[in-house]
Protein backbone atom coordinates (compact mmCIF):
# COMPACT_ATOMS: atom_id res chain seq x y z
CA UNK A 1 1.15 18.21 -2.99
CA UNK A 2 -1.73 20.62 -3.52
CA UNK A 3 -1.28 25.24 -3.10
CA UNK A 4 -4.20 27.36 -3.64
CA UNK A 5 -4.96 30.42 -5.79
CA UNK A 6 -4.06 32.23 -1.87
CA UNK A 7 -0.76 30.32 -1.84
CA UNK A 8 -1.51 28.05 0.54
CA UNK A 9 0.26 24.22 -0.56
CA UNK A 10 -0.26 21.42 1.73
CA UNK A 11 1.98 18.18 1.64
CA UNK A 12 4.91 17.55 -0.27
CA UNK A 13 6.71 15.87 -3.31
CA UNK A 14 9.32 14.87 -2.41
CA UNK A 15 10.06 15.97 1.80
CA UNK A 16 12.14 18.75 1.05
CA UNK A 17 14.35 19.09 -2.11
CA UNK A 18 11.92 20.70 -4.80
CA UNK A 19 9.30 21.50 -2.82
CA UNK A 20 9.66 25.23 -3.18
CA UNK A 21 10.39 24.69 -7.18
CA UNK A 22 7.48 22.66 -7.19
CA UNK A 23 5.14 25.88 -5.55
CA UNK A 24 7.13 28.12 -7.62
CA UNK A 25 5.55 26.11 -10.94
CA UNK A 26 2.05 25.60 -9.16
CA UNK A 27 1.17 29.19 -8.66
CA UNK A 28 1.80 29.46 -12.72
CA UNK A 29 -0.31 26.77 -13.70
CA UNK A 30 -2.45 28.69 -11.36
CA UNK A 31 -2.02 31.61 -14.04
CA UNK A 32 -2.05 30.22 -17.10
CA UNK A 33 -3.09 27.00 -16.74
CA UNK A 34 -1.28 24.89 -19.14
CA UNK A 35 0.15 21.62 -17.31
CA UNK A 36 3.72 20.88 -16.76
CA UNK A 37 5.76 17.70 -16.87
CA UNK A 38 9.10 18.46 -14.21
CA UNK A 39 12.12 16.53 -14.27
CA UNK A 40 13.86 16.69 -11.43
CA UNK A 41 17.13 15.31 -11.30
CA UNK A 42 21.11 14.86 -8.87
CA UNK A 43 21.19 18.54 -7.33
CA UNK A 44 25.60 18.82 -6.52
CA UNK A 45 27.13 21.44 -4.20
CA UNK A 46 26.10 24.36 -6.69
CA UNK A 47 23.90 26.22 -3.41
CA UNK A 48 20.87 27.22 -6.68
CA UNK A 49 20.72 24.16 -8.33
CA UNK A 50 17.45 22.98 -7.88
CA UNK A 51 17.94 19.13 -7.66
CA UNK A 52 17.12 16.50 -5.84
CA UNK A 53 20.46 15.95 -2.84
CA UNK A 54 19.80 11.70 -2.01
CA UNK A 55 20.25 10.87 -6.23
CA UNK A 56 17.65 10.30 -8.50
CA UNK A 57 14.88 11.51 -10.77
CA UNK A 58 11.22 12.78 -9.37
CA UNK A 59 8.74 13.95 -12.48
CA UNK A 60 6.38 16.10 -10.88
CA UNK A 61 3.29 16.97 -13.63
CA UNK A 62 1.40 19.83 -11.73
CA UNK A 63 -1.54 21.01 -13.57
CA UNK A 64 -4.76 23.62 -12.44
CA UNK A 65 -7.66 21.87 -10.78
CA UNK A 66 -11.07 23.26 -11.55
CA UNK A 67 -14.57 22.05 -11.39
CA UNK A 68 -14.72 22.72 -15.74
CA UNK A 69 -11.46 20.64 -15.35
CA UNK A 70 -12.24 17.61 -13.03
CA UNK A 71 -15.31 17.39 -12.65
CA UNK A 72 -15.66 13.80 -11.18
CA UNK A 73 -13.10 15.11 -8.93
CA UNK A 74 -16.05 15.64 -6.19
CA UNK A 75 -16.82 12.12 -6.12
CA UNK A 76 -13.41 10.75 -6.31
CA UNK A 77 -12.70 12.69 -2.87
CA UNK A 78 -16.15 10.77 -1.47
CA UNK A 79 -14.88 7.38 -2.93
CA UNK A 80 -10.96 8.08 -0.96
CA UNK A 81 -12.77 8.86 2.14
CA UNK A 82 -15.48 6.35 2.92
CA UNK A 83 -12.38 3.67 0.55
CA UNK A 84 -14.22 3.15 -2.09
CA UNK A 85 -12.03 1.67 -4.35
CA UNK A 86 -11.27 4.69 -7.41
CA UNK A 87 -7.87 4.97 -10.19
CA UNK A 88 -7.76 8.30 -11.93
CA UNK A 89 -5.55 7.94 -15.17
CA UNK A 90 -4.20 11.41 -16.31
CA UNK A 91 -2.40 11.77 -19.28
CA UNK A 92 1.55 13.33 -18.22
CA UNK A 93 2.52 13.51 -21.83
CA UNK A 94 1.59 13.72 -25.67
CA UNK A 95 3.19 14.82 -28.15
CA UNK A 96 -0.32 17.05 -28.20
CA UNK A 97 -0.22 20.01 -26.04
CA UNK A 98 -4.17 20.17 -26.09
CA UNK A 99 -3.92 16.38 -24.63
CA UNK A 100 -2.08 17.11 -21.55
CA UNK A 101 -4.09 16.66 -18.14
CA UNK A 102 -6.90 14.88 -19.85
CA UNK A 103 -7.73 11.90 -17.40
CA UNK A 104 -10.32 9.16 -17.10
CA UNK A 105 -12.05 7.95 -13.34
CA UNK A 106 -11.79 4.36 -13.21
CA UNK A 107 -13.91 2.15 -11.16
CA UNK A 108 -14.27 -1.44 -11.11
CA UNK A 109 -17.33 -1.85 -12.73
CA UNK A 110 -17.14 2.45 -14.81
CA UNK A 111 -15.68 5.09 -15.21
CA UNK A 112 -15.85 8.28 -16.27
CA UNK A 113 -14.26 11.13 -18.36
CA UNK A 114 -12.47 10.61 -21.56
CA UNK A 115 -8.46 10.87 -22.34
CA UNK A 116 -9.99 11.81 -26.01
CA UNK A 117 -10.03 8.63 -28.00
CA UNK A 118 -12.10 6.02 -26.90
CA UNK A 119 -9.10 3.30 -27.95
CA UNK A 120 -7.12 4.69 -25.53
CA UNK A 121 -10.20 4.46 -22.70
CA UNK A 122 -10.63 1.45 -23.43
CA UNK A 123 -7.32 -0.27 -23.06
CA UNK A 124 -6.59 2.52 -20.29
CA UNK A 125 -9.67 2.25 -18.32
CA UNK A 126 -8.40 -2.03 -18.40
CA UNK A 127 -4.71 -1.47 -17.22
CA UNK A 128 -5.80 0.51 -14.66
CA UNK A 129 -8.37 -1.86 -12.94
CA UNK A 130 -5.67 -4.00 -12.72
CA UNK A 131 -2.78 -1.23 -11.81
CA UNK A 132 -5.88 -0.28 -9.08
CA UNK A 133 -6.35 -3.94 -8.09
CA UNK A 134 -2.90 -4.39 -6.59
CA UNK A 135 -3.25 -1.20 -4.68
CA UNK A 136 -0.20 0.51 -6.64
CA UNK A 137 0.43 3.79 -8.96
CA UNK A 138 2.70 3.86 -11.96
CA UNK A 139 2.99 5.40 -15.25
CA UNK A 140 1.78 3.96 -18.33
CA UNK A 141 3.02 4.35 -21.77
CA UNK A 142 1.07 3.81 -25.62
CA UNK A 143 0.24 4.81 -29.05
CA UNK A 144 -1.21 7.79 -29.94
CA UNK A 145 -4.76 5.45 -29.99
CA UNK A 146 -3.79 3.18 -26.76
CA UNK A 147 -1.26 1.12 -28.26
CA UNK A 148 0.67 -0.81 -26.04
CA UNK A 149 3.96 -1.27 -25.67
CA UNK A 150 4.71 1.91 -27.79
CA UNK A 151 6.07 5.60 -27.14
CA UNK A 152 4.22 8.51 -27.23
CA UNK A 153 1.60 9.27 -24.38
CA UNK A 154 1.59 8.52 -20.76
CA UNK A 155 -0.45 8.27 -18.48
CA UNK A 156 0.15 8.67 -14.71
CA UNK A 157 -2.39 5.62 -12.80
CA UNK A 158 -3.00 6.40 -9.14
CA UNK A 159 -4.72 4.62 -7.15
CA UNK A 160 -6.81 4.08 -4.17
CA UNK A 161 -7.14 2.16 -2.07
CA UNK A 162 -8.51 1.00 1.32
CA UNK A 163 -6.46 0.34 3.77
CA UNK A 164 -4.54 -3.30 4.10
CA UNK A 165 -5.97 -4.43 7.11
CA UNK A 166 -3.73 -6.70 9.07
CA UNK A 167 -5.79 -9.23 11.56
CA UNK A 168 -3.51 -9.64 15.10
CA UNK A 169 -5.15 -12.66 16.72
CA UNK A 170 -4.27 -12.99 20.42
CA UNK A 171 -5.16 -9.88 22.90
CA UNK A 172 -1.99 -9.73 24.68
CA UNK A 173 1.30 -6.97 25.62
CA UNK A 174 2.71 -7.53 22.63
CA UNK A 175 -0.54 -7.55 19.75
CA UNK A 176 -0.56 -3.83 21.25
CA UNK A 177 2.50 -2.91 20.05
CA UNK A 178 2.10 -4.28 17.02
CA UNK A 179 -1.59 -3.47 16.53
CA UNK A 180 0.27 0.32 17.25
CA UNK A 181 3.31 0.22 14.35
CA UNK A 182 0.93 -1.53 11.92
CA UNK A 183 -1.81 2.27 12.42
CA UNK A 184 1.89 3.75 12.16
CA UNK A 185 2.20 2.02 8.44
CA UNK A 186 -0.33 2.50 6.59
CA UNK A 187 -1.90 -0.20 8.13
CA UNK A 188 -6.35 -0.50 9.40
CA UNK A 189 -5.82 -3.16 12.49
CA UNK A 190 -7.93 -5.52 13.96
CA UNK A 191 -6.96 -7.56 17.03
CA UNK A 192 -8.90 -10.25 17.47
CA UNK A 193 -9.56 -12.50 20.88
CA UNK A 194 -11.29 -15.33 21.42
CA UNK A 195 -11.63 -14.02 25.34
CA UNK A 196 -13.91 -10.94 26.69
CA UNK A 197 -11.65 -9.54 29.37
CA UNK A 198 -8.29 -9.61 27.61
CA UNK A 199 -9.77 -8.14 24.42
CA UNK A 200 -10.97 -4.28 24.51
CA UNK A 201 -10.93 -1.23 22.65
CA UNK A 202 -9.39 0.23 26.31
CA UNK A 203 -6.40 -1.95 25.84
CA UNK A 204 -5.97 -1.58 22.39
CA UNK A 205 -6.10 2.71 21.31
CA UNK A 206 -3.60 2.13 18.43
CA UNK A 207 -6.44 -0.72 16.63
CA UNK A 208 -9.32 0.41 14.26
CA UNK A 209 -11.16 -2.56 16.00
CA UNK A 210 -11.20 -4.98 18.03
CA UNK A 211 -13.39 -8.39 17.92
CA UNK A 212 -14.01 -11.12 20.47
CA UNK A 213 -14.51 -14.60 19.08
CA UNK A 214 -12.40 -17.62 17.92
CA UNK A 215 -9.36 -16.58 15.77
CA UNK A 216 -10.82 -19.05 12.81
CA UNK A 217 -14.09 -18.94 12.99
CA UNK A 218 -13.73 -15.17 12.96
CA UNK A 219 -11.40 -15.70 10.03
CA UNK A 220 -13.72 -17.70 8.55
CA UNK A 221 -16.44 -15.43 8.39
CA UNK A 222 -14.15 -12.44 7.53
CA UNK A 223 -13.34 -14.61 4.61
CA UNK A 224 -16.47 -15.42 3.43
CA UNK A 225 -17.35 -12.00 3.31
CA UNK A 226 -14.33 -10.70 0.65
CA UNK A 227 -12.20 -8.77 3.72
CA UNK A 228 -9.10 -11.09 3.69
CA UNK A 229 -7.16 -10.22 0.64
CA UNK A 230 -3.84 -10.41 -2.02
CA UNK A 231 -2.25 -7.56 0.43
CA UNK A 232 -3.80 -7.99 4.28
CA UNK A 233 -1.18 -9.33 6.60
CA UNK A 234 -2.27 -12.00 9.40
CA UNK A 235 0.20 -11.94 13.25
CA UNK A 236 -0.32 -14.58 14.84
CA UNK A 237 0.23 -13.59 18.86
CA UNK A 238 -1.78 -16.33 21.02
CA UNK A 239 0.78 -18.96 21.28
CA UNK A 240 -1.29 -21.14 22.36
CA UNK A 241 -2.21 -24.77 20.06
CA UNK A 242 -6.23 -24.21 20.98
CA UNK A 243 -6.18 -20.55 20.01
CA UNK A 244 -3.91 -20.85 16.89
CA UNK A 245 -2.78 -24.20 15.23
CA UNK A 246 -7.08 -23.50 13.96
CA UNK A 247 -6.86 -20.40 13.02
CA UNK A 248 -3.99 -21.03 10.37
CA UNK A 249 -4.47 -24.30 9.79
CA UNK A 250 -7.45 -21.42 7.81
CA UNK A 251 -4.82 -18.83 6.61
CA UNK A 252 -2.27 -21.61 5.46
CA UNK A 253 -5.19 -22.98 2.27
CA UNK A 254 -6.78 -19.58 1.29
CA UNK A 255 -5.52 -19.05 -2.13
CA UNK A 256 -6.53 -16.93 -5.24
CA UNK A 257 -7.47 -13.35 -4.29
CA UNK A 258 -8.31 -14.30 -0.52
CA UNK A 259 -4.13 -14.87 -0.04
CA UNK A 260 -3.00 -12.83 2.53
CA UNK A 261 0.24 -11.16 1.37
CA UNK A 262 1.90 -12.31 4.71
CA UNK A 263 0.99 -15.19 7.65
CA UNK A 264 2.89 -14.93 10.65
CA UNK A 265 3.89 -16.36 14.24
CA UNK A 266 4.71 -16.04 17.02
CA UNK A 267 6.43 -18.30 19.86
CA UNK A 268 9.81 -19.89 20.43
CA UNK A 269 11.46 -22.29 18.20
CA UNK A 270 9.10 -24.89 20.96
CA UNK A 271 6.42 -23.79 20.07
CA UNK A 272 7.18 -23.64 15.49
CA UNK A 273 8.21 -27.38 15.95
CA UNK A 274 5.13 -27.98 17.77
CA UNK A 275 2.72 -26.07 15.61
CA UNK A 276 4.08 -27.27 13.37
CA UNK A 277 3.60 -30.94 13.75
CA UNK A 278 0.60 -30.72 14.78
CA UNK A 279 -0.01 -28.20 11.14
CA UNK A 280 0.95 -31.03 9.37
CA UNK A 281 -0.75 -33.23 11.64
CA UNK A 282 -4.20 -31.76 10.63
CA UNK A 283 -3.24 -32.05 7.09
CA UNK A 284 -1.68 -28.41 5.49
CA UNK A 285 0.88 -29.13 3.12
CA UNK A 286 4.88 -28.37 3.52
CA UNK A 287 4.27 -26.08 0.68
CA UNK A 288 1.17 -24.19 2.89
CA UNK A 289 3.56 -24.46 5.91
CA UNK A 290 6.38 -23.11 3.94
CA UNK A 291 4.33 -19.60 3.33
CA UNK A 292 4.67 -19.26 6.84
CA UNK A 293 6.39 -17.15 8.85
CA UNK A 294 7.69 -18.22 12.38
CA UNK A 295 9.14 -17.58 14.82
CA UNK A 296 7.73 -14.29 14.02
CA UNK A 297 9.96 -11.13 13.26
CA UNK A 298 13.48 -10.16 12.03
CA UNK A 299 16.63 -10.90 14.25
CA UNK A 300 17.21 -7.70 15.32
CA UNK A 301 17.64 -8.51 19.56
CA UNK A 302 14.64 -6.93 20.88
CA UNK A 303 12.89 -7.62 24.19
CA UNK A 304 9.61 -5.61 25.12
CA UNK A 305 6.84 -6.06 23.12
CA UNK A 306 7.99 -2.76 21.33
CA UNK A 307 10.78 -3.80 20.32
CA UNK A 308 9.50 -7.48 18.83
CA UNK A 309 7.10 -5.24 16.99
CA UNK A 310 9.58 -3.16 15.30
CA UNK A 311 10.77 -6.77 14.38
CA UNK A 312 7.00 -7.51 13.09
CA UNK A 313 6.53 -5.58 11.38
CA UNK A 314 9.83 -5.07 9.09
CA UNK A 315 9.51 -8.30 8.37
CA UNK A 316 6.35 -7.79 6.43
CA UNK A 317 8.32 -4.76 4.85
CA UNK A 318 10.84 -6.51 3.83
CA UNK A 319 8.14 -8.84 2.36
CA UNK A 320 6.19 -6.90 0.63
CA UNK A 321 9.61 -4.79 -1.29
CA UNK A 322 11.65 -7.87 -1.90
CA UNK A 323 14.79 -6.66 0.67
CA UNK A 324 16.83 -8.33 2.79
CA UNK A 325 17.06 -7.50 5.98
CA UNK A 326 20.47 -6.50 5.58
CA UNK A 327 21.93 -3.64 7.16
CA UNK A 328 22.71 -1.12 4.15
CA UNK A 329 25.92 0.00 4.71
CA UNK A 330 26.99 -2.97 3.86
CA UNK A 331 25.15 -3.76 0.75
CA UNK A 332 25.25 -2.24 -2.96
CA UNK A 333 23.58 -0.67 -5.78
CA UNK A 334 20.08 1.26 -5.27
CA UNK A 335 18.76 2.21 -2.17
CA UNK A 336 15.06 1.38 -2.89
CA UNK A 337 13.81 -0.69 -6.16
CA UNK A 338 11.01 -2.03 -7.38
CA UNK A 339 9.94 -5.89 -7.19
CA UNK A 340 10.32 -7.69 -10.66
């Protein structure tokens, strides 16, 4: 959430629960310049209480941003806009008040700024690159001089990565719906098909790019370019063995940094069984085949392309966050939980 000196506000930190209080804190920080770390918890029936009516706890760090306090901000903005990975590491809690707001900007190959200690800079830069590679943001706790597994200094590492990729093979109506759904949840979507009459931008306005190529050829080229990684999802919707078996043969064998986070293939039970036999005959190992989500999607009972797209994206989300796919009504415990 950004608040300007003119009183304008852009963005949100809690969906509306604490925005008013954060806005007031931001006005005070703009005026006084001292960063504030404010914790908001559960708010009961007290109408004047400020808190999260839905439960839980949120820590909000508010700081004044100027060219002097954040000299790298324009470079960071430019990197975010063009898709270059960059992370910012900010001290949000420290025994010494003057350390609050100290910042280190970290790229995969270098860093800029300081958190006040060479040892802390080194430790945070190293950890921030790991956080950046995973595409996450998190608070990491250190000792005063960067000692790991100690307390006293909290650093918030905020990662800015390019959007994860969703590669859809098969230029069919279902692919158009999946492309729209994938874009909605934050993927950079590519649709690929070997048939130029079907693979057109007019048919797939929800895709970021439409490629005319044999699926297995395109995937191999993207892997060679380093454009397939652990955040990539692959949806094979052709349900035609001459297209889907060769591309799945490549996708399921990928390991290490090029291993996709999700591989799914559309088809009936009969198509699925035939596909598995063909993959085994091609030499794909059973543990590799076990990574395949086929038939693709969760059992929602949907029929239309749009309903099917919801089931596919729902399965992708469930795999990412280790969700059960069960109704929340039938489960207990926290609604949201981070994977171990």
